[in-house]
Protein backbone atom coordinates (compact mmCIF):
# COMPACT_ATOMS: atom_id res chain seq x y z
CA UNK A 1 -0.06 0.05 -0.26
CA UNK A 2 1.16 3.56 -0.47
CA UNK A 3 1.05 6.66 1.60
CA UNK A 4 0.83 10.40 0.45
CA UNK A 5 3.69 11.35 1.85
CA UNK A 6 5.73 11.92 -1.29
CA UNK A 7 8.98 9.39 -1.98
CA UNK A 8 11.80 11.65 0.13
CA UNK A 9 9.80 12.29 3.19
CA UNK A 10 10.44 8.16 3.55
CA UNK A 11 14.20 8.27 3.78
CA UNK A 12 16.71 10.05 6.36
CA UNK A 13 18.85 13.53 5.27
CA UNK A 14 21.45 12.91 3.36
CA UNK A 15 19.60 10.15 1.44
CA UNK A 16 19.15 12.70 -1.99
CA UNK A 17 21.97 13.05 -3.78
CA UNK A 18 22.87 16.37 -6.66
CA UNK A 19 20.07 14.68 -9.13
CA UNK A 20 17.36 16.03 -6.27
CA UNK A 21 18.50 19.27 -5.67
CA UNK A 22 18.00 22.47 -7.47
CA UNK A 23 20.01 23.74 -9.75
CA UNK A 24 21.38 26.33 -8.07
CA UNK A 25 21.79 24.19 -5.12
CA UNK A 26 24.34 21.53 -7.06
CA UNK A 27 27.91 22.04 -5.36
CA UNK A 28 30.68 23.11 -7.37
CA UNK A 29 33.35 20.58 -9.43
CA UNK A 30 32.62 17.16 -11.35
CA UNK A 31 29.04 16.42 -11.87
CA UNK A 32 27.91 12.89 -12.82
CA UNK A 33 28.05 12.40 -17.04
CA UNK A 34 24.57 12.53 -18.28
CA UNK A 35 24.28 8.47 -19.16
CA UNK A 36 25.43 7.55 -15.43
CA UNK A 37 22.92 10.30 -13.59
CA UNK A 38 20.24 8.96 -15.65
CA UNK A 39 20.91 5.64 -14.79
CA UNK A 40 21.34 6.90 -10.92
CA UNK A 41 18.07 8.46 -11.70
CA UNK A 42 16.14 5.06 -13.01
CA UNK A 43 17.48 3.12 -9.69
CA UNK A 44 16.53 5.52 -7.52
CA UNK A 45 13.26 5.64 -9.24
CA UNK A 46 12.52 1.70 -9.20
CA UNK A 47 13.73 1.36 -5.20
CA UNK A 48 11.39 3.94 -4.46
CA UNK A 49 8.53 2.28 -6.27
CA UNK A 50 9.72 -1.21 -4.63
CA UNK A 51 9.68 0.72 -1.10
CA UNK A 52 6.32 1.97 -2.30
CA UNK A 53 4.72 -1.31 -3.44
CA UNK A 54 5.35 -3.01 0.21
CA UNK A 55 2.58 -2.79 3.25
CA UNK A 56 2.50 -0.20 5.61
CA UNK A 57 4.78 -2.53 8.39
CA UNK A 58 7.30 -4.35 5.37
CA UNK A 59 8.00 -0.84 4.43
CA UNK A 60 8.44 0.06 8.26
CA UNK A 61 10.57 -2.60 8.88
CA UNK A 62 12.89 -1.92 5.28
CA UNK A 63 13.09 1.38 6.60
CA UNK A 64 13.85 0.84 10.19
CA UNK A 65 16.49 -1.80 9.42
CA UNK A 66 18.13 -0.25 6.76
CA UNK A 67 18.13 3.31 7.16
CA UNK A 68 18.40 3.77 10.70
CA UNK A 69 20.24 0.67 11.30
CA UNK A 70 18.78 -0.98 13.74
CA UNK A 71 18.78 -4.89 14.68
CA UNK A 72 15.58 -6.63 14.31
CA UNK A 73 15.16 -7.30 17.83
CA UNK A 74 15.33 -3.28 18.46
CA UNK A 75 12.33 -3.16 16.25
CA UNK A 76 10.51 -5.48 17.33
CA UNK A 77 10.55 -3.79 21.02
CA UNK A 78 9.90 -0.40 19.02
CA UNK A 79 6.54 -1.45 17.47
CA UNK A 80 5.75 -3.63 20.38
CA UNK A 81 5.93 -6.87 17.46
CA UNK A 82 8.08 -10.09 18.58
CA UNK A 83 11.35 -10.54 17.04
CA UNK A 84 10.41 -13.65 14.86
CA UNK A 85 7.83 -11.82 13.85
CA UNK A 86 9.25 -8.93 12.91
CA UNK A 87 12.06 -11.52 11.42
CA UNK A 88 9.30 -13.06 8.70
CA UNK A 89 7.92 -9.49 8.12
CA UNK A 90 11.95 -8.72 7.29
CA UNK A 91 12.38 -11.76 4.77
CA UNK A 92 9.17 -11.29 3.35
CA UNK A 93 10.39 -7.50 2.20
CA UNK A 94 13.06 -8.77 0.97
CA UNK A 95 12.35 -10.88 -1.07
CA UNK A 96 9.50 -8.78 -2.83
CA UNK A 97 11.97 -6.19 -3.37
CA UNK A 98 13.96 -8.75 -4.59
CA UNK A 99 11.51 -9.48 -6.85
CA UNK A 100 10.30 -5.70 -7.83
CA UNK A 101 14.30 -4.59 -8.89
CA UNK A 102 15.44 -8.31 -10.71
CA UNK A 103 14.14 -6.35 -14.09
CA UNK A 104 15.94 -3.32 -13.26
CA UNK A 105 19.10 -4.93 -11.55
CA UNK A 106 19.87 -7.19 -14.63
CA UNK A 107 19.67 -3.98 -17.39
CA UNK A 108 22.72 -2.90 -15.32
CA UNK A 109 24.14 -6.50 -15.16
CA UNK A 110 24.13 -6.31 -10.93
CA UNK A 111 23.25 -9.59 -9.84
CA UNK A 112 20.66 -10.41 -7.42
CA UNK A 113 20.85 -13.11 -4.53
CA UNK A 114 18.00 -15.13 -4.03
């Protein structure tokens, strides 16, 4: 399920890159070539879309695990759920993300581990 939040609201500060900045906010120096920036934007869009396709609980567990660095038992305590249940939710979310991102990964010759 999705929420009304914009995708950038789901990620911690510093997650956004040059492509997310306004032109006058771009740092001075060498910028990425256009084809690399396009690939980066495409990958970012695919990841955001895949995360939005997760259930609310799967998305919350995934973001707490990867972006806040919490362990599964810490996530369980924060959400008032058992570690074993959080482990199942996390596993299900990872499998869903792998499936959702498999096509994009093959386009970029990246191996998705199963």
